[in-house]
N, C-alpha and C. Protein backbone atom coordinates (compact mmCIF):
# COMPACT_ATOMS: atom_id res chain seq x y z
N MET A 1 -99.69 -196.43 -82.19
CA MET A 1 -98.22 -195.95 -83.40
C MET A 1 -97.69 -194.97 -82.30
N MET A 2 -95.93 -194.98 -83.25
CA MET A 2 -94.83 -194.48 -82.70
C MET A 2 -95.22 -193.21 -83.57
N GLN A 3 -94.46 -192.21 -82.64
CA GLN A 3 -93.99 -190.60 -83.15
C GLN A 3 -93.71 -190.70 -84.77
N LEU A 4 -94.08 -189.98 -85.80
CA LEU A 4 -93.61 -190.08 -87.18
C LEU A 4 -93.33 -188.54 -87.60
N SER A 5 -92.09 -189.10 -88.40
CA SER A 5 -91.91 -187.23 -88.44
C SER A 5 -92.77 -187.07 -89.81
N PRO A 6 -91.94 -185.50 -90.49
CA PRO A 6 -93.51 -185.21 -91.31
C PRO A 6 -93.15 -185.98 -92.92
N ASP A 7 -91.82 -186.92 -93.08
CA ASP A 7 -91.61 -187.13 -94.55
C ASP A 7 -92.44 -188.58 -94.37
N GLN A 8 -92.19 -189.18 -92.47
CA GLN A 8 -93.27 -190.32 -92.70
C GLN A 8 -94.48 -190.54 -93.08
N TRP A 9 -94.97 -189.19 -92.34
CA TRP A 9 -96.64 -188.91 -92.33
C TRP A 9 -97.20 -188.87 -94.10
N VAL A 10 -96.58 -188.10 -95.02
CA VAL A 10 -96.17 -187.75 -96.18
C VAL A 10 -96.14 -189.19 -96.80
N ASN A 11 -95.26 -189.93 -96.71
CA ASN A 11 -94.55 -191.56 -97.00
C ASN A 11 -96.09 -192.16 -96.46
N MET A 12 -96.86 -191.89 -95.70
CA MET A 12 -97.93 -192.83 -95.25
C MET A 12 -99.34 -192.29 -96.35
N ILE A 13 -99.34 -190.93 -95.93
CA ILE A 13 -100.89 -190.63 -96.78
C ILE A 13 -100.70 -190.69 -98.16
N ALA A 14 -99.81 -190.34 -98.69
CA ALA A 14 -99.16 -190.62 -100.43
C ALA A 14 -100.10 -192.17 -100.70
N SER A 15 -99.34 -193.21 -100.14
CA SER A 15 -99.38 -194.70 -100.12
C SER A 15 -101.17 -194.79 -100.08
N GLY A 16 -101.44 -194.15 -99.41
CA GLY A 16 -102.64 -194.59 -98.60
C GLY A 16 -103.75 -194.65 -99.46
N VAL A 17 -103.50 -193.20 -100.48
CA VAL A 17 -104.33 -192.43 -101.35
C VAL A 17 -104.19 -193.43 -102.85
N ALA A 18 -102.44 -193.84 -103.16
CA ALA A 18 -102.13 -194.38 -104.12
C ALA A 18 -102.99 -196.01 -104.22
N ALA A 19 -102.84 -196.25 -102.75
CA ALA A 19 -103.76 -197.52 -102.39
C ALA A 19 -105.43 -197.89 -102.89
N ALA A 20 -105.93 -196.45 -102.48
CA ALA A 20 -107.44 -196.24 -102.30
C ALA A 20 -107.61 -196.28 -103.88
N ALA A 21 -106.64 -195.57 -104.71
CA ALA A 21 -106.76 -195.34 -106.49
C ALA A 21 -106.48 -196.59 -107.12
N CYS A 22 -105.33 -197.23 -106.68
CA CYS A 22 -105.80 -198.66 -107.69
C CYS A 22 -107.57 -199.70 -107.11
N ALA A 23 -107.20 -199.10 -105.87
CA ALA A 23 -108.71 -199.91 -105.48
C ALA A 23 -110.05 -200.28 -106.00
N GLY A 24 -109.81 -198.54 -106.68
CA GLY A 24 -111.04 -197.45 -106.81
C GLY A 24 -111.01 -197.83 -108.60
N PHE A 25 -109.78 -198.41 -109.24
CA PHE A 25 -109.57 -198.63 -110.61
C PHE A 25 -110.20 -199.59 -110.31
N ALA A 26 -109.37 -200.90 -109.98
CA ALA A 26 -109.97 -202.36 -110.18
C ALA A 26 -111.93 -202.49 -110.10
N LEU A 27 -111.91 -202.13 -109.18
CA LEU A 27 -113.08 -201.80 -108.86
C LEU A 27 -114.14 -201.29 -110.41
N VAL A 28 -114.03 -200.46 -110.91
CA VAL A 28 -114.09 -199.69 -111.63
C VAL A 28 -114.57 -200.72 -113.21
N TYR A 29 -113.00 -201.13 -113.27
CA TYR A 29 -112.43 -201.82 -114.57
C TYR A 29 -113.55 -203.07 -114.09
N HIS A 30 -112.88 -203.87 -112.85
CA HIS A 30 -114.32 -205.09 -112.94
C HIS A 30 -115.06 -204.90 -113.36
N VAL A 31 -116.01 -203.60 -113.03
CA VAL A 31 -118.16 -203.76 -113.34
C VAL A 31 -117.79 -203.01 -114.58
N ARG A 32 -117.22 -202.01 -115.30
CA ARG A 32 -117.26 -201.80 -116.57
C ARG A 32 -116.72 -202.08 -117.66
N ALA A 33 -115.69 -202.77 -117.60
CA ALA A 33 -115.41 -203.76 -118.65
C ALA A 33 -114.93 -205.41 -118.42
N PRO A 34 -114.93 -206.01 -119.49
CA PRO A 34 -114.63 -207.72 -119.49
C PRO A 34 -113.14 -207.72 -119.66
N TRP A 35 -112.74 -207.68 -118.41
CA TRP A 35 -111.00 -207.45 -118.09
C TRP A 35 -110.63 -208.82 -118.75
N TRP A 36 -111.41 -209.90 -118.28
CA TRP A 36 -110.99 -211.25 -118.21
C TRP A 36 -110.73 -211.72 -119.40
N ARG A 37 -111.33 -211.38 -120.60
CA ARG A 37 -111.00 -211.50 -121.80
C ARG A 37 -109.80 -211.80 -122.92
N SER A 38 -109.31 -210.45 -122.03
CA SER A 38 -107.98 -210.11 -122.52
C SER A 38 -106.80 -210.25 -122.19
N ALA A 39 -105.55 -210.41 -123.10
CA ALA A 39 -104.52 -210.68 -121.75
C ALA A 39 -104.06 -209.02 -121.21
N VAL A 40 -104.64 -207.69 -122.03
CA VAL A 40 -104.04 -206.97 -121.53
C VAL A 40 -105.18 -206.35 -120.65
N GLY A 41 -106.30 -207.05 -120.42
CA GLY A 41 -107.35 -206.40 -119.15
C GLY A 41 -106.80 -207.40 -117.83
N ARG A 42 -106.45 -208.46 -117.82
CA ARG A 42 -106.05 -209.03 -117.12
C ARG A 42 -104.45 -208.61 -116.03
N ASN A 43 -103.70 -208.02 -117.15
CA ASN A 43 -102.43 -207.28 -116.80
C ASN A 43 -102.77 -206.54 -116.18
N LEU A 44 -103.54 -205.32 -116.82
CA LEU A 44 -104.29 -204.32 -115.82
C LEU A 44 -104.73 -204.55 -114.49
N MET A 45 -105.29 -205.85 -114.64
CA MET A 45 -105.95 -205.66 -113.43
C MET A 45 -104.38 -206.13 -111.91
N LEU A 46 -103.79 -207.01 -112.86
CA LEU A 46 -102.95 -207.42 -111.98
C LEU A 46 -101.74 -206.59 -111.67
N LEU A 47 -101.54 -205.52 -112.04
CA LEU A 47 -100.60 -204.17 -112.52
C LEU A 47 -101.37 -203.27 -111.20
N ALA A 48 -102.59 -203.21 -110.62
CA ALA A 48 -103.67 -202.04 -110.29
C ALA A 48 -103.38 -203.05 -108.85
N GLY A 49 -104.02 -204.27 -108.88
CA GLY A 49 -103.53 -205.62 -108.04
C GLY A 49 -102.52 -205.45 -107.26
N ALA A 50 -101.37 -205.31 -107.49
CA ALA A 50 -99.97 -205.41 -106.93
C ALA A 50 -99.45 -204.47 -106.24
N LEU A 51 -99.54 -202.79 -107.35
CA LEU A 51 -98.91 -201.62 -106.56
C LEU A 51 -100.09 -201.46 -105.49
N GLY A 52 -101.26 -201.52 -105.88
CA GLY A 52 -102.14 -200.81 -104.71
C GLY A 52 -102.02 -202.13 -103.31
N GLY A 53 -101.58 -203.34 -103.49
CA GLY A 53 -100.58 -204.28 -101.84
C GLY A 53 -99.63 -203.39 -101.80
N LEU A 54 -98.87 -203.28 -102.67
CA LEU A 54 -97.66 -202.52 -101.82
C LEU A 54 -97.70 -201.45 -101.15
N CYS A 55 -98.80 -200.55 -101.85
CA CYS A 55 -98.85 -199.44 -101.56
C CYS A 55 -99.38 -199.24 -100.14
N LEU A 56 -100.42 -200.71 -99.96
CA LEU A 56 -101.15 -200.39 -98.44
C LEU A 56 -100.29 -200.90 -97.34
N TYR A 57 -98.95 -202.16 -98.83
CA TYR A 57 -98.23 -202.89 -97.37
C TYR A 57 -97.76 -201.34 -96.21
N THR A 58 -96.82 -200.51 -97.38
CA THR A 58 -96.25 -199.33 -96.75
C THR A 58 -97.21 -198.56 -95.67
N VAL A 59 -98.24 -198.58 -95.90
CA VAL A 59 -99.31 -197.72 -94.66
C VAL A 59 -99.42 -199.00 -93.64
N LEU A 60 -99.44 -200.41 -93.61
CA LEU A 60 -99.76 -201.18 -92.82
C LEU A 60 -98.67 -201.52 -92.02
N ILE A 61 -97.60 -201.35 -92.52
CA ILE A 61 -95.50 -201.27 -91.64
C ILE A 61 -95.50 -200.30 -91.34
N VAL A 62 -96.04 -199.01 -91.17
CA VAL A 62 -95.77 -197.80 -90.68
C VAL A 62 -96.72 -197.63 -89.66
N MET A 63 -97.91 -198.21 -89.28
CA MET A 63 -98.49 -199.02 -87.87
C MET A 63 -98.11 -199.95 -87.48
N TRP A 64 -97.56 -200.79 -87.59
CA TRP A 64 -97.14 -202.20 -87.04
C TRP A 64 -95.80 -202.53 -87.29
N PRO A 65 -94.67 -201.66 -87.23
CA PRO A 65 -93.68 -201.71 -87.26
C PRO A 65 -92.65 -203.21 -86.58
N THR A 66 -93.54 -203.96 -85.28
CA THR A 66 -92.69 -204.71 -85.01
C THR A 66 -93.55 -205.97 -84.69
N GLY A 67 -93.82 -206.93 -84.17
CA GLY A 67 -94.00 -208.22 -84.04
C GLY A 67 -94.78 -209.16 -84.84
N CYS A 68 -95.66 -209.98 -84.25
CA CYS A 68 -95.79 -210.88 -85.22
C CYS A 68 -96.48 -209.88 -86.29
N THR A 69 -97.60 -209.11 -86.92
CA THR A 69 -97.99 -208.49 -87.56
C THR A 69 -97.25 -208.18 -88.73
N ALA A 70 -95.83 -207.19 -88.20
CA ALA A 70 -94.66 -207.18 -89.15
C ALA A 70 -94.39 -207.92 -89.42
N ALA A 71 -94.21 -209.36 -89.32
CA ALA A 71 -93.38 -210.68 -89.88
C ALA A 71 -94.28 -211.03 -90.97
N LEU A 72 -95.71 -210.96 -90.70
CA LEU A 72 -96.73 -211.31 -91.05
C LEU A 72 -96.67 -210.62 -93.01
N LEU A 73 -96.76 -209.31 -92.51
CA LEU A 73 -96.67 -208.29 -93.18
C LEU A 73 -95.62 -208.66 -94.26
N ARG A 74 -94.12 -208.47 -93.95
CA ARG A 74 -93.17 -208.64 -94.56
C ARG A 74 -92.89 -210.06 -95.59
N ALA A 75 -93.81 -211.11 -95.03
CA ALA A 75 -93.78 -212.52 -95.16
C ALA A 75 -94.43 -212.04 -96.62
N LEU A 76 -95.32 -211.21 -96.81
CA LEU A 76 -96.53 -211.54 -97.99
C LEU A 76 -96.02 -210.07 -99.30
N ARG A 77 -95.47 -209.06 -98.47
CA ARG A 77 -94.99 -208.00 -98.97
C ARG A 77 -93.38 -209.57 -99.99
N THR A 78 -92.86 -209.94 -99.49
CA THR A 78 -92.12 -210.54 -100.33
C THR A 78 -92.55 -211.67 -101.46
N ALA A 79 -93.38 -212.72 -100.77
CA ALA A 79 -94.09 -213.25 -101.79
C ALA A 79 -94.23 -212.93 -102.90
N MET A 80 -95.23 -211.55 -103.00
CA MET A 80 -95.80 -210.95 -103.74
C MET A 80 -95.00 -210.31 -104.91
N VAL A 81 -93.34 -209.69 -104.49
CA VAL A 81 -92.75 -209.23 -105.19
C VAL A 81 -91.51 -210.35 -106.01
N LEU A 82 -91.46 -211.48 -105.53
CA LEU A 82 -91.25 -212.75 -105.76
C LEU A 82 -92.18 -213.15 -107.38
N SER A 83 -93.20 -213.05 -106.28
CA SER A 83 -93.81 -213.39 -107.67
C SER A 83 -94.52 -212.27 -109.11
N ILE A 84 -94.25 -211.18 -108.75
CA ILE A 84 -94.04 -209.98 -109.87
C ILE A 84 -92.83 -210.73 -110.72
N ALA A 85 -92.00 -210.92 -109.85
CA ALA A 85 -90.52 -211.13 -110.81
C ALA A 85 -90.48 -212.35 -111.19
């Protein structure tokens, strides 16, 4: 991993915490509520997954900024953003 500036470290750590929070929410909500039975529940799970995925992308692209992995990550991010739009 390359040398990161302090603001890049803060961004990566905050994005990692946000991705973990989204994953935690999705896990707890999946176990505790019948989310698949209502439109609101499905939307909450989709939102948590989308936000968590984009935050995870931020962390991973800092770790692998170039090469095949970066190209795959960027393609996945583009597909996710287009599916949300």
